[in-house]
Amino acid sequence: MIKILLDECLPKKLKYRIEELDPGFFTKTTPEIGWASLSNGELLSVAEAEFDVFITSDKNLSFQQSIASCSIQVVLLKAKTNIYEDLLPLVEKMPSIIKANEPGKFIEIE
């Protein structure tokens, strides 16, 4: 099972679409587990202890944090907006990236 954490800036219903992609994907959102108020640095620090992949649309994250030193893979979804319909085509590209599960790797999906 690959544990995936969705950033609070993404629509909650993406969680269900990601889980539909593969029965081995287990997805939670930061608000669901009470981490919505954490800064990016704190969030990555606590997330790497429990999750394999962190998905966000925060384009500044890679400039603010040292992802290479993390034990979690970070995936950036680069869509026109953060609405579900704009993000959905990017989600379809994620299964192989998530399954590769490369800790410390920052991957952009456009």
C-alpha atoms as a PDB file:
ATOM      1  CA  MET A   1       0.000   0.000   0.000  1.00  0.00           C
ATOM      2  CA  ILE A   2       1.236   3.481  -0.874  1.00  0.00           C
ATOM      3  CA  LYS A   3       0.147   6.185   1.557  1.00  0.00           C
ATOM      4  CA  ILE A   4      -0.602   9.526  -0.075  1.00  0.00           C
ATOM      5  CA  LEU A   5      -1.188  12.892   1.606  1.00  0.00           C
ATOM      6  CA  LEU A   6      -3.083  15.654  -0.231  1.00  0.00           C
ATOM      7  CA  ASP A   7      -2.288  19.261   0.635  1.00  0.00           C
ATOM      8  CA  GLU A   8      -5.121  21.446   1.894  1.00  0.00           C
ATOM      9  CA  CYS A   9      -4.900  23.615  -1.253  1.00  0.00           C
ATOM     10  CA  LEU A  10      -6.319  20.725  -3.320  1.00  0.00           C
ATOM     11  CA  PRO A  11     -10.007  19.766  -3.563  1.00  0.00           C
ATOM     12  CA  LYS A  12     -10.928  16.966  -1.147  1.00  0.00           C
ATOM     13  CA  LYS A  13     -12.681  14.943  -3.833  1.00  0.00           C
ATOM     14  CA  LEU A  14      -9.336  14.383  -5.604  1.00  0.00           C
ATOM     15  CA  LYS A  15      -8.700  11.895  -2.803  1.00  0.00           C
ATOM     16  CA  TYR A  16     -11.412   9.585  -4.117  1.00  0.00           C
ATOM     17  CA  ARG A  17     -10.242   9.853  -7.735  1.00  0.00           C
ATOM     18  CA  ILE A  18      -6.663   8.983  -6.744  1.00  0.00           C
ATOM     19  CA  GLU A  19      -7.851   5.946  -4.777  1.00  0.00           C
ATOM     20  CA  GLU A  20      -9.850   4.794  -7.829  1.00  0.00           C
ATOM     21  CA  LEU A  21      -6.643   4.737  -9.894  1.00  0.00           C
ATOM     22  CA  ASP A  22      -5.152   1.825  -7.947  1.00  0.00           C
ATOM     23  CA  PRO A  23      -6.402  -0.348  -5.068  1.00  0.00           C
ATOM     24  CA  GLY A  24      -2.965   0.043  -3.436  1.00  0.00           C
ATOM     25  CA  PHE A  25      -3.348   3.824  -3.028  1.00  0.00           C
ATOM     26  CA  PHE A  26      -4.458   5.016   0.429  1.00  0.00           C
ATOM     27  CA  THR A  27      -5.131   8.763   0.489  1.00  0.00           C
ATOM     28  CA  LYS A  28      -5.774  11.279   3.278  1.00  0.00           C
ATOM     29  CA  THR A  29      -6.097  15.073   3.219  1.00  0.00           C
ATOM     30  CA  THR A  30      -4.255  17.376   5.605  1.00  0.00           C
ATOM     31  CA  PRO A  31      -7.521  18.729   7.106  1.00  0.00           C
ATOM     32  CA  GLU A  32      -8.760  15.158   7.682  1.00  0.00           C
ATOM     33  CA  ILE A  33      -5.848  14.377   9.965  1.00  0.00           C
ATOM     34  CA  GLY A  34      -5.669  17.795  11.630  1.00  0.00           C
ATOM     35  CA  TRP A  35      -2.549  19.071   9.873  1.00  0.00           C
ATOM     36  CA  ALA A  36      -4.112  21.919   7.881  1.00  0.00           C
ATOM     37  CA  SER A  37      -2.600  24.636  10.060  1.00  0.00           C
ATOM     38  CA  LEU A  38       0.991  23.374   9.783  1.00  0.00           C
ATOM     39  CA  SER A  39       3.570  25.317   7.787  1.00  0.00           C
ATOM     40  CA  ASN A  40       5.085  23.546   4.772  1.00  0.00           C
ATOM     41  CA  GLY A  41       8.276  22.679   6.668  1.00  0.00           C
ATOM     42  CA  GLU A  42       6.390  21.231   9.625  1.00  0.00           C
ATOM     43  CA  LEU A  43       3.957  19.450   7.334  1.00  0.00           C
ATOM     44  CA  LEU A  44       6.658  17.679   5.343  1.00  0.00           C
ATOM     45  CA  SER A  45       8.446  16.742   8.547  1.00  0.00           C
ATOM     46  CA  VAL A  46       5.426  15.036  10.122  1.00  0.00           C
ATOM     47  CA  ALA A  47       4.162  13.656   6.805  1.00  0.00           C
ATOM     48  CA  GLU A  48       7.363  11.792   5.985  1.00  0.00           C
ATOM     49  CA  ALA A  49       6.922   9.697   9.122  1.00  0.00           C
ATOM     50  CA  GLU A  50       3.509   8.403   7.991  1.00  0.00           C
ATOM     51  CA  PHE A  51       3.193   8.895   4.223  1.00  0.00           C
ATOM     52  CA  ASP A  52       5.071   7.938   1.061  1.00  0.00           C
ATOM     53  CA  VAL A  53       3.866  10.693  -1.281  1.00  0.00           C
ATOM     54  CA  PHE A  54       2.776  14.299  -0.708  1.00  0.00           C
ATOM     55  CA  ILE A  55       0.685  15.946  -3.452  1.00  0.00           C
ATOM     56  CA  THR A  56       0.315  19.719  -3.646  1.00  0.00           C
ATOM     57  CA  SER A  57      -0.335  22.584  -6.042  1.00  0.00           C
ATOM     58  CA  ASP A  58       1.898  24.983  -4.075  1.00  0.00           C
ATOM     59  CA  LYS A  59       4.392  26.124  -6.708  1.00  0.00           C
ATOM     60  CA  ASN A  60       6.659  27.700  -4.059  1.00  0.00           C
ATOM     61  CA  LEU A  61       7.170  24.530  -2.020  1.00  0.00           C
ATOM     62  CA  SER A  62      10.285  23.390  -3.882  1.00  0.00           C
ATOM     63  CA  PHE A  63      11.906  26.790  -3.312  1.00  0.00           C
ATOM     64  CA  GLN A  64      10.983  26.931   0.379  1.00  0.00           C
ATOM     65  CA  GLN A  65      11.899  23.382   1.435  1.00  0.00           C
ATOM     66  CA  SER A  66      14.785  20.983   0.943  1.00  0.00           C
ATOM     67  CA  ILE A  67      12.807  18.135  -0.575  1.00  0.00           C
ATOM     68  CA  ALA A  68      15.887  16.115  -1.539  1.00  0.00           C
ATOM     69  CA  SER A  69      16.574  15.479   2.152  1.00  0.00           C
ATOM     70  CA  CYS A  70      13.011  14.252   2.825  1.00  0.00           C
ATOM     71  CA  SER A  71      11.995  10.623   3.002  1.00  0.00           C
ATOM     72  CA  ILE A  72       8.806  11.434   1.090  1.00  0.00           C
ATOM     73  CA  GLN A  73       8.181  12.016  -2.614  1.00  0.00           C
ATOM     74  CA  VAL A  74       6.566  15.364  -3.470  1.00  0.00           C
ATOM     75  CA  VAL A  75       4.308  15.741  -6.506  1.00  0.00           C
ATOM     76  CA  LEU A  76       3.329  19.194  -7.762  1.00  0.00           C
ATOM     77  CA  LEU A  77       0.161  19.444  -9.834  1.00  0.00           C
ATOM     78  CA  LYS A  78       0.506  22.442 -12.180  1.00  0.00           C
ATOM     79  CA  ALA A  79      -2.945  23.256 -13.519  1.00  0.00           C
ATOM     80  CA  LYS A  80      -4.590  26.478 -14.683  1.00  0.00           C
ATOM     81  CA  THR A  81      -6.561  26.598 -11.394  1.00  0.00           C
ATOM     82  CA  ASN A  82      -7.038  24.439  -8.300  1.00  0.00           C
ATOM     83  CA  ILE A  83     -10.557  23.407  -9.223  1.00  0.00           C
ATOM     84  CA  TYR A  84     -11.293  19.717  -9.552  1.00  0.00           C
ATOM     85  CA  GLU A  85     -12.010  19.781 -13.295  1.00  0.00           C
ATOM     86  CA  ASP A  86      -8.662  21.441 -14.094  1.00  0.00           C
ATOM     87  CA  LEU A  87      -6.707  19.029 -11.862  1.00  0.00           C
ATOM     88  CA  LEU A  88      -8.398  15.834 -13.022  1.00  0.00           C
ATOM     89  CA  PRO A  89      -6.374  15.403 -16.270  1.00  0.00           C
ATOM     90  CA  LEU A  90      -3.180  15.652 -14.189  1.00  0.00           C
ATOM     91  CA  VAL A  91      -4.376  12.982 -11.771  1.00  0.00           C
ATOM     92  CA  GLU A  92      -4.684  10.560 -14.677  1.00  0.00           C
ATOM     93  CA  LYS A  93      -0.901  10.897 -15.200  1.00  0.00           C
ATOM     94  CA  MET A  94      -0.026  10.022 -11.596  1.00  0.00           C
ATOM     95  CA  PRO A  95      -0.202   6.220 -11.180  1.00  0.00           C
ATOM     96  CA  SER A  96       3.265   5.421 -12.522  1.00  0.00           C
ATOM     97  CA  ILE A  97       4.798   8.377 -10.674  1.00  0.00           C
ATOM     98  CA  ILE A  98       3.226   7.330  -7.383  1.00  0.00           C
ATOM     99  CA  LYS A  99       4.176   3.683  -7.868  1.00  0.00           C
ATOM    100  CA  ALA A 100       7.801   4.674  -8.539  1.00  0.00           C
ATOM    101  CA  ASN A 101       7.727   6.171  -5.027  1.00  0.00           C
ATOM    102  CA  GLU A 102      11.114   7.888  -5.001  1.00  0.00           C
ATOM    103  CA  PRO A 103      11.737   9.515  -1.581  1.00  0.00           C
ATOM    104  CA  GLY A 104      13.310  12.958  -1.815  1.00  0.00           C
ATOM    105  CA  LYS A 105      12.183  13.403  -5.405  1.00  0.00           C
ATOM    106  CA  PHE A 106      10.190  16.458  -6.528  1.00  0.00           C
ATOM    107  CA  ILE A 107       8.044  15.812  -9.599  1.00  0.00           C
ATOM    108  CA  GLU A 108       5.946  18.329 -11.521  1.00  0.00           C
ATOM    109  CA  ILE A 109       2.928  17.173 -13.509  1.00  0.00           C
ATOM    110  CA  GLU A 110       1.562  19.575 -16.108  1.00  0.00           C
END
